[in-house]
PDB file of N, CA and C in Angstrom:
ATOM      1  N   MET A   1      10.676  -5.917  10.843  1.00  0.00           N
ATOM      2  CA  MET A   1       9.998  -5.894   9.575  1.00  0.00           C
ATOM      3  C   MET A   1      10.915  -6.518   8.537  1.00  0.00           C
ATOM      4  N   ALA A   2      10.403  -7.523   7.913  1.00  0.00           N
ATOM      5  CA  ALA A   2      11.197  -8.271   6.946  1.00  0.00           C
ATOM      6  C   ALA A   2      10.879  -7.828   5.527  1.00  0.00           C
ATOM      7  N   GLY A   3      11.794  -8.100   4.641  1.00  0.00           N
ATOM      8  CA  GLY A   3      11.587  -7.783   3.237  1.00  0.00           C
ATOM      9  C   GLY A   3      12.070  -6.398   2.881  1.00  0.00           C
ATOM     10  N   GLU A   4      12.131  -6.153   1.591  1.00  0.00           N
ATOM     11  CA  GLU A   4      12.626  -4.879   1.092  1.00  0.00           C
ATOM     12  C   GLU A   4      11.620  -3.757   1.330  1.00  0.00           C
ATOM     13  N   ARG A   5      12.144  -2.565   1.655  1.00  0.00           N
ATOM     14  CA  ARG A   5      11.299  -1.388   1.858  1.00  0.00           C
ATOM     15  C   ARG A   5      11.396  -0.483   0.634  1.00  0.00           C
ATOM     16  N   HIS A   6      10.250   0.118   0.270  1.00  0.00           N
ATOM     17  CA  HIS A   6      10.180   1.056  -0.849  1.00  0.00           C
ATOM     18  C   HIS A   6       9.574   2.354  -0.332  1.00  0.00           C
ATOM     19  N   ASP A   7      10.286   3.462  -0.534  1.00  0.00           N
ATOM     20  CA  ASP A   7       9.842   4.767  -0.048  1.00  0.00           C
ATOM     21  C   ASP A   7       9.233   5.593  -1.173  1.00  0.00           C
ATOM     22  N   TYR A   8       8.208   6.359  -0.835  1.00  0.00           N
ATOM     23  CA  TYR A   8       7.514   7.241  -1.780  1.00  0.00           C
ATOM     24  C   TYR A   8       7.372   8.619  -1.140  1.00  0.00           C
ATOM     25  N   PHE A   9       8.455   9.388  -1.196  1.00  0.00           N
ATOM     26  CA  PHE A   9       8.488  10.730  -0.624  1.00  0.00           C
ATOM     27  C   PHE A   9       8.586  11.753  -1.753  1.00  0.00           C
ATOM     28  N   ASP A  10       7.757  11.563  -2.768  1.00  0.00           N
ATOM     29  CA  ASP A  10       7.822  12.365  -3.990  1.00  0.00           C
ATOM     30  C   ASP A  10       6.780  13.482  -4.037  1.00  0.00           C
ATOM     31  N   HIS A  11       6.079  13.697  -2.944  1.00  0.00           N
ATOM     32  CA  HIS A  11       5.053  14.739  -2.881  1.00  0.00           C
ATOM     33  C   HIS A  11       5.136  15.386  -1.497  1.00  0.00           C
ATOM     34  N   PRO A  12       4.969  16.707  -1.391  1.00  0.00           N
ATOM     35  CA  PRO A  12       5.115  17.357  -0.087  1.00  0.00           C
ATOM     36  C   PRO A  12       4.034  16.999   0.936  1.00  0.00           C
ATOM     37  N   ASP A  13       2.853  16.584   0.487  1.00  0.00           N
ATOM     38  CA  ASP A  13       1.751  16.310   1.417  1.00  0.00           C
ATOM     39  C   ASP A  13       1.263  14.865   1.417  1.00  0.00           C
ATOM     40  N   LEU A  14       1.648  14.071   0.436  1.00  0.00           N
ATOM     41  CA  LEU A  14       1.165  12.688   0.317  1.00  0.00           C
ATOM     42  C   LEU A  14       2.375  11.775   0.168  1.00  0.00           C
ATOM     43  N   ILE A  15       2.674  11.021   1.229  1.00  0.00           N
ATOM     44  CA  ILE A  15       3.852  10.157   1.227  1.00  0.00           C
ATOM     45  C   ILE A  15       3.452   8.731   1.575  1.00  0.00           C
ATOM     46  N   GLY A  16       4.384   7.813   1.380  1.00  0.00           N
ATOM     47  CA  GLY A  16       4.113   6.435   1.738  1.00  0.00           C
ATOM     48  C   GLY A  16       5.358   5.583   1.689  1.00  0.00           C
ATOM     49  N   TRP A  17       5.200   4.334   2.133  1.00  0.00           N
ATOM     50  CA  TRP A  17       6.259   3.339   2.047  1.00  0.00           C
ATOM     51  C   TRP A  17       5.623   1.968   2.104  1.00  0.00           C
ATOM     52  N   SER A  18       6.373   0.982   1.650  1.00  0.00           N
ATOM     53  CA  SER A  18       5.875  -0.391   1.676  1.00  0.00           C
ATOM     54  C   SER A  18       7.002  -1.331   2.071  1.00  0.00           C
ATOM     55  N   TYR A  19       6.626  -2.421   2.693  1.00  0.00           N
ATOM     56  CA  TYR A  19       7.532  -3.520   2.989  1.00  0.00           C
ATOM     57  C   TYR A  19       6.994  -4.741   2.264  1.00  0.00           C
ATOM     58  N   GLU A  20       7.863  -5.407   1.495  1.00  0.00           N
ATOM     59  CA  GLU A  20       7.434  -6.608   0.786  1.00  0.00           C
ATOM     60  C   GLU A  20       7.113  -7.740   1.752  1.00  0.00           C
ATOM     61  N   GLY A  21       7.813  -7.800   2.861  1.00  0.00           N
ATOM     62  CA  GLY A  21       7.537  -8.817   3.859  1.00  0.00           C
ATOM     63  C   GLY A  21       7.961 -10.207   3.429  1.00  0.00           C
ATOM     64  N   GLU A  22       7.644 -11.169   4.279  1.00  0.00           N
ATOM     65  CA  GLU A  22       7.884 -12.587   4.028  1.00  0.00           C
ATOM     66  C   GLU A  22       6.634 -13.335   4.470  1.00  0.00           C
ATOM     67  N   ASN A  23       6.349 -14.434   3.808  1.00  0.00           N
ATOM     68  CA  ASN A  23       5.200 -15.265   4.185  1.00  0.00           C
ATOM     69  C   ASN A  23       3.892 -14.483   4.195  1.00  0.00           C
ATOM     70  N   ASN A  24       3.690 -13.642   3.168  1.00  0.00           N
ATOM     71  CA  ASN A  24       2.427 -12.914   2.988  1.00  0.00           C
ATOM     72  C   ASN A  24       2.168 -11.853   4.055  1.00  0.00           C
ATOM     73  N   ASP A  25       3.228 -11.327   4.692  1.00  0.00           N
ATOM     74  CA  ASP A  25       3.010 -10.328   5.740  1.00  0.00           C
ATOM     75  C   ASP A  25       3.453  -8.917   5.338  1.00  0.00           C
ATOM     76  N   GLY A  26       3.534  -8.646   4.041  1.00  0.00           N
ATOM     77  CA  GLY A  26       3.878  -7.307   3.577  1.00  0.00           C
ATOM     78  C   GLY A  26       2.768  -6.312   3.889  1.00  0.00           C
ATOM     79  N   PHE A  27       3.123  -5.028   3.849  1.00  0.00           N
ATOM     80  CA  PHE A  27       2.117  -3.996   4.091  1.00  0.00           C
ATOM     81  C   PHE A  27       2.516  -2.703   3.400  1.00  0.00           C
ATOM     82  N   VAL A  28       1.528  -1.811   3.258  1.00  0.00           N
ATOM     83  CA  VAL A  28       1.712  -0.522   2.599  1.00  0.00           C
ATOM     84  C   VAL A  28       1.142   0.561   3.511  1.00  0.00           C
ATOM     85  N   VAL A  29       1.879   1.656   3.655  1.00  0.00           N
ATOM     86  CA  VAL A  29       1.445   2.808   4.445  1.00  0.00           C
ATOM     87  C   VAL A  29       1.393   4.017   3.522  1.00  0.00           C
ATOM     88  N   ILE A  30       0.288   4.755   3.565  1.00  0.00           N
ATOM     89  CA  ILE A  30       0.154   5.998   2.804  1.00  0.00           C
ATOM     90  C   ILE A  30      -0.505   7.018   3.725  1.00  0.00           C
ATOM     91  N   MET A  31       0.006   8.247   3.707  1.00  0.00           N
ATOM     92  CA  MET A  31      -0.525   9.253   4.629  1.00  0.00           C
ATOM     93  C   MET A  31      -0.434  10.645   4.026  1.00  0.00           C
ATOM     94  N   THR A  32      -1.324  11.526   4.532  1.00  0.00           N
ATOM     95  CA  THR A  32      -1.330  12.911   4.076  1.00  0.00           C
ATOM     96  C   THR A  32      -1.694  13.838   5.224  1.00  0.00           C
ATOM     97  N   ASN A  33      -1.210  15.061   5.125  1.00  0.00           N
ATOM     98  CA  ASN A  33      -1.602  16.098   6.076  1.00  0.00           C
ATOM     99  C   ASN A  33      -2.501  17.123   5.392  1.00  0.00           C
ATOM    100  N   ALA A  34      -3.047  16.747   4.241  1.00  0.00           N
ATOM    101  CA  ALA A  34      -3.884  17.648   3.440  1.00  0.00           C
ATOM    102  C   ALA A  34      -4.994  16.822   2.789  1.00  0.00           C
ATOM    103  N   ALA A  35      -5.376  17.217   1.587  1.00  0.00           N
ATOM    104  CA  ALA A  35      -6.402  16.472   0.848  1.00  0.00           C
ATOM    105  C   ALA A  35      -5.891  15.075   0.529  1.00  0.00           C
ATOM    106  N   GLY A  36      -6.799  14.124   0.512  1.00  0.00           N
ATOM    107  CA  GLY A  36      -6.446  12.755   0.180  1.00  0.00           C
ATOM    108  C   GLY A  36      -6.050  12.617  -1.275  1.00  0.00           C
ATOM    109  N   GLY A  37      -5.694  11.413  -1.637  1.00  0.00           N
ATOM    110  CA  GLY A  37      -5.296  11.149  -3.011  1.00  0.00           C
ATOM    111  C   GLY A  37      -4.909   9.698  -3.176  1.00  0.00           C
ATOM    112  N   THR A  38      -4.261   9.418  -4.283  1.00  0.00           N
ATOM    113  CA  THR A  38      -3.802   8.063  -4.562  1.00  0.00           C
ATOM    114  C   THR A  38      -2.332   8.102  -4.942  1.00  0.00           C
ATOM    115  N   LYS A  39      -1.697   6.954  -4.788  1.00  0.00           N
ATOM    116  CA  LYS A  39      -0.295   6.817  -5.152  1.00  0.00           C
ATOM    117  C   LYS A  39      -0.080   5.379  -5.609  1.00  0.00           C
ATOM    118  N   ILE A  40       0.565   5.219  -6.762  1.00  0.00           N
ATOM    119  CA  ILE A  40       0.922   3.879  -7.226  1.00  0.00           C
ATOM    120  C   ILE A  40       2.168   3.454  -6.463  1.00  0.00           C
ATOM    121  N   MET A  41       2.042   2.322  -5.766  1.00  0.00           N
ATOM    122  CA  MET A  41       3.117   1.846  -4.899  1.00  0.00           C
ATOM    123  C   MET A  41       3.345   0.361  -5.134  1.00  0.00           C
ATOM    124  N   TYR A  42       4.584  -0.064  -4.963  1.00  0.00           N
ATOM    125  CA  TYR A  42       4.980  -1.453  -5.172  1.00  0.00           C
ATOM    126  C   TYR A  42       4.823  -2.237  -3.875  1.00  0.00           C
ATOM    127  N   ALA A  43       4.041  -3.321  -3.944  1.00  0.00           N
ATOM    128  CA  ALA A  43       3.862  -4.203  -2.796  1.00  0.00           C
ATOM    129  C   ALA A  43       4.761  -5.431  -2.906  1.00  0.00           C
ATOM    130  N   GLY A  44       4.984  -5.893  -4.136  1.00  0.00           N
ATOM    131  CA  GLY A  44       5.802  -7.080  -4.388  1.00  0.00           C
ATOM    132  C   GLY A  44       5.127  -7.987  -5.395  1.00  0.00           C
ATOM    133  N   LYS A  45       5.912  -8.542  -6.317  1.00  0.00           N
ATOM    134  CA  LYS A  45       5.339  -9.424  -7.348  1.00  0.00           C
ATOM    135  C   LYS A  45       4.653 -10.638  -6.745  1.00  0.00           C
ATOM    136  N   GLN A  46       5.082 -11.058  -5.564  1.00  0.00           N
ATOM    137  CA  GLN A  46       4.468 -12.224  -4.928  1.00  0.00           C
ATOM    138  C   GLN A  46       3.001 -11.981  -4.576  1.00  0.00           C
ATOM    139  N   TYR A  47       2.553 -10.718  -4.595  1.00  0.00           N
ATOM    140  CA  TYR A  47       1.164 -10.383  -4.274  1.00  0.00           C
ATOM    141  C   TYR A  47       0.307 -10.152  -5.513  1.00  0.00           C
ATOM    142  N   SER A  48       0.850 -10.385  -6.689  1.00  0.00           N
ATOM    143  CA  SER A  48       0.114 -10.181  -7.940  1.00  0.00           C
ATOM    144  C   SER A  48      -1.220 -10.924  -7.915  1.00  0.00           C
ATOM    145  N   GLY A  49      -2.302 -10.203  -8.236  1.00  0.00           N
ATOM    146  CA  GLY A  49      -3.638 -10.792  -8.257  1.00  0.00           C
ATOM    147  C   GLY A  49      -4.335 -10.819  -6.909  1.00  0.00           C
ATOM    148  N   GLN A  50      -3.661 -10.418  -5.849  1.00  0.00           N
ATOM    149  CA  GLN A  50      -4.257 -10.412  -4.515  1.00  0.00           C
ATOM    150  C   GLN A  50      -4.795  -9.025  -4.178  1.00  0.00           C
ATOM    151  N   LEU A  51      -5.680  -8.989  -3.202  1.00  0.00           N
ATOM    152  CA  LEU A  51      -6.223  -7.726  -2.707  1.00  0.00           C
ATOM    153  C   LEU A  51      -5.504  -7.313  -1.434  1.00  0.00           C
ATOM    154  N   PHE A  52      -5.197  -6.032  -1.332  1.00  0.00           N
ATOM    155  CA  PHE A  52      -4.737  -5.429  -0.089  1.00  0.00           C
ATOM    156  C   PHE A  52      -5.900  -4.583   0.425  1.00  0.00           C
ATOM    157  N   THR A  53      -6.076  -4.515   1.745  1.00  0.00           N
ATOM    158  CA  THR A  53      -7.179  -3.742   2.313  1.00  0.00           C
ATOM    159  C   THR A  53      -6.721  -2.955   3.533  1.00  0.00           C
ATOM    160  N   ASP A  54      -7.395  -1.839   3.764  1.00  0.00           N
ATOM    161  CA  ASP A  54      -7.221  -1.073   4.997  1.00  0.00           C
ATOM    162  C   ASP A  54      -8.498  -1.152   5.838  1.00  0.00           C
ATOM    163  N   GLY A  55      -9.422  -2.002   5.427  1.00  0.00           N
ATOM    164  CA  GLY A  55     -10.705  -2.130   6.102  1.00  0.00           C
ATOM    165  C   GLY A  55     -11.803  -1.335   5.430  1.00  0.00           C
ATOM    166  N   ASN A  56     -11.423  -0.339   4.641  1.00  0.00           N
ATOM    167  CA  ASN A  56     -12.390   0.476   3.905  1.00  0.00           C
ATOM    168  C   ASN A  56     -12.208   0.398   2.398  1.00  0.00           C
ATOM    169  N   HIS A  57     -10.975   0.249   1.955  1.00  0.00           N
ATOM    170  CA  HIS A  57     -10.661   0.222   0.528  1.00  0.00           C
ATOM    171  C   HIS A  57      -9.931  -1.080   0.198  1.00  0.00           C
ATOM    172  N   ASP A  58     -10.318  -1.721  -0.901  1.00  0.00           N
ATOM    173  CA  ASP A  58      -9.624  -2.903  -1.406  1.00  0.00           C
ATOM    174  C   ASP A  58      -8.849  -2.511  -2.653  1.00  0.00           C
ATOM    175  N   ILE A  59      -7.564  -2.870  -2.699  1.00  0.00           N
ATOM    176  CA  ILE A  59      -6.678  -2.510  -3.795  1.00  0.00           C
ATOM    177  C   ILE A  59      -6.163  -3.790  -4.440  1.00  0.00           C
ATOM    178  N   LEU A  60      -6.384  -3.943  -5.742  1.00  0.00           N
ATOM    179  CA  LEU A  60      -5.901  -5.109  -6.480  1.00  0.00           C
ATOM    180  C   LEU A  60      -4.458  -4.872  -6.900  1.00  0.00           C
ATOM    181  N   ILE A  61      -3.601  -5.821  -6.589  1.00  0.00           N
ATOM    182  CA  ILE A  61      -2.191  -5.734  -6.970  1.00  0.00           C
ATOM    183  C   ILE A  61      -2.043  -6.301  -8.377  1.00  0.00           C
ATOM    184  N   ASN A  62      -1.436  -5.513  -9.270  1.00  0.00           N
ATOM    185  CA  ASN A  62      -1.321  -5.930 -10.672  1.00  0.00           C
ATOM    186  C   ASN A  62      -0.174  -6.919 -10.870  1.00  0.00           C
ATOM    187  N   GLU A  63       0.012  -7.342 -12.126  1.00  0.00           N
ATOM    188  CA  GLU A  63       1.008  -8.366 -12.441  1.00  0.00           C
ATOM    189  C   GLU A  63       2.437  -7.888 -12.187  1.00  0.00           C
ATOM    190  N   ASP A  64       2.648  -6.587 -12.130  1.00  0.00           N
ATOM    191  CA  ASP A  64       3.976  -6.040 -11.837  1.00  0.00           C
ATOM    192  C   ASP A  64       4.242  -5.933 -10.332  1.00  0.00           C
ATOM    193  N   GLY A  65       3.212  -6.179  -9.512  1.00  0.00           N
ATOM    194  CA  GLY A  65       3.370  -6.106  -8.063  1.00  0.00           C
ATOM    195  C   GLY A  65       2.983  -4.773  -7.459  1.00  0.00           C
ATOM    196  N   SER A  66       2.348  -3.901  -8.257  1.00  0.00           N
ATOM    197  CA  SER A  66       1.966  -2.569  -7.790  1.00  0.00           C
ATOM    198  C   SER A  66       0.454  -2.420  -7.703  1.00  0.00           C
ATOM    199  N   GLY A  67       0.025  -1.431  -6.937  1.00  0.00           N
ATOM    200  CA  GLY A  67      -1.384  -1.084  -6.846  1.00  0.00           C
ATOM    201  C   GLY A  67      -1.520   0.408  -6.647  1.00  0.00           C
ATOM    202  N   GLU A  68      -2.713   0.932  -6.941  1.00  0.00           N
ATOM    203  CA  GLU A  68      -2.982   2.353  -6.733  1.00  0.00           C
ATOM    204  C   GLU A  68      -3.687   2.510  -5.390  1.00  0.00           C
ATOM    205  N   PHE A  69      -2.927   2.893  -4.376  1.00  0.00           N
ATOM    206  CA  PHE A  69      -3.414   2.951  -3.009  1.00  0.00           C
ATOM    207  C   PHE A  69      -4.065   4.299  -2.716  1.00  0.00           C
ATOM    208  N   ILE A  70      -5.131   4.254  -1.918  1.00  0.00           N
ATOM    209  CA  ILE A  70      -5.954   5.421  -1.602  1.00  0.00           C
ATOM    210  C   ILE A  70      -5.624   5.913  -0.198  1.00  0.00           C
ATOM    211  N   CYS A  71      -5.531   7.234  -0.072  1.00  0.00           N
ATOM    212  CA  CYS A  71      -5.385   7.868   1.235  1.00  0.00           C
ATOM    213  C   CYS A  71      -6.529   8.860   1.405  1.00  0.00           C
ATOM    214  N   ASP A  72      -7.224   8.772   2.520  1.00  0.00           N
ATOM    215  CA  ASP A  72      -8.330   9.677   2.809  1.00  0.00           C
ATOM    216  C   ASP A  72      -7.799  11.018   3.321  1.00  0.00           C
ATOM    217  N   ASP A  73      -8.609  12.070   3.185  1.00  0.00           N
ATOM    218  CA  ASP A  73      -8.223  13.424   3.604  1.00  0.00           C
ATOM    219  C   ASP A  73      -7.663  13.437   5.029  1.00  0.00           C
ATOM    220  N   GLY A  74      -6.441  13.960   5.188  1.00  0.00           N
ATOM    221  CA  GLY A  74      -5.842  14.135   6.504  1.00  0.00           C
ATOM    222  C   GLY A  74      -5.621  12.858   7.288  1.00  0.00           C
ATOM    223  N   LYS A  75      -5.492  11.729   6.615  1.00  0.00           N
ATOM    224  CA  LYS A  75      -5.450  10.429   7.296  1.00  0.00           C
ATOM    225  C   LYS A  75      -4.161   9.666   7.030  1.00  0.00           C
ATOM    226  N   LEU A  76      -4.037   8.580   7.771  1.00  0.00           N
ATOM    227  CA  LEU A  76      -3.020   7.552   7.601  1.00  0.00           C
ATOM    228  C   LEU A  76      -3.768   6.270   7.276  1.00  0.00           C
ATOM    229  N   ASN A  77      -3.452   5.645   6.152  1.00  0.00           N
ATOM    230  CA  ASN A  77      -4.085   4.388   5.767  1.00  0.00           C
ATOM    231  C   ASN A  77      -3.005   3.311   5.720  1.00  0.00           C
ATOM    232  N   ILE A  78      -3.283   2.167   6.337  1.00  0.00           N
ATOM    233  CA  ILE A  78      -2.360   1.035   6.346  1.00  0.00           C
ATOM    234  C   ILE A  78      -3.064  -0.144   5.690  1.00  0.00           C
ATOM    235  N   TYR A  79      -2.410  -0.711   4.679  1.00  0.00           N
ATOM    236  CA  TYR A  79      -2.973  -1.819   3.910  1.00  0.00           C
ATOM    237  C   TYR A  79      -2.173  -3.090   4.153  1.00  0.00           C
ATOM    238  N   LYS A  80      -2.885  -4.216   4.207  1.00  0.00           N
ATOM    239  CA  LYS A  80      -2.249  -5.528   4.274  1.00  0.00           C
ATOM    240  C   LYS A  80      -3.048  -6.479   3.404  1.00  0.00           C
ATOM    241  N   VAL A  81      -2.510  -7.662   3.186  1.00  0.00           N
ATOM    242  CA  VAL A  81      -3.192  -8.651   2.357  1.00  0.00           C
ATOM    243  C   VAL A  81      -4.554  -8.959   2.960  1.00  0.00           C
ATOM    244  N   LYS A  82      -5.571  -8.938   2.113  1.00  0.00           N
ATOM    245  CA  LYS A  82      -6.931  -9.240   2.572  1.00  0.00           C
ATOM    246  C   LYS A  82      -7.053 -10.740   2.759  1.00  0.00           C
ATOM    247  N   GLU A  83      -7.480 -11.137   3.932  1.00  0.00           N
ATOM    248  CA  GLU A  83      -7.657 -12.557   4.238  1.00  0.00           C
ATOM    249  C   GLU A  83      -8.878 -13.093   3.511  1.00  0.00           C
ATOM    250  N   THR A  84      -8.758 -14.285   2.971  1.00  0.00           N
ATOM    251  CA  THR A  84      -9.897 -14.920   2.311  1.00  0.00           C
ATOM    252  C   THR A  84     -10.504 -15.947   3.248  1.00  0.00           C
ATOM    253  N   VAL A  85     -11.804 -16.098   3.145  1.00  0.00           N
ATOM    254  CA  VAL A  85     -12.518 -17.027   4.026  1.00  0.00           C
ATOM    255  C   VAL A  85     -12.826 -18.289   3.267  1.00  0.00           C
TER     256      VAL A  85
END
């Protein structure tokens, strides 16, 4: 896994991490063992204006390189750059 990693272990039940990646291959992981929720996480400034998706939720990355990622109840959600057709 390339690129800088960012950890989000600031909540006892909702955690996550992200890898900035290289060549548009960054990803974000968010998971919970309880009720779902959201967490603002840094994906990387290079993704500003792009969508990340887990197949169910699309997250817009803001100009600072962050997005508010969604985790479903008791689940693990993995987001990557949404491919455009």
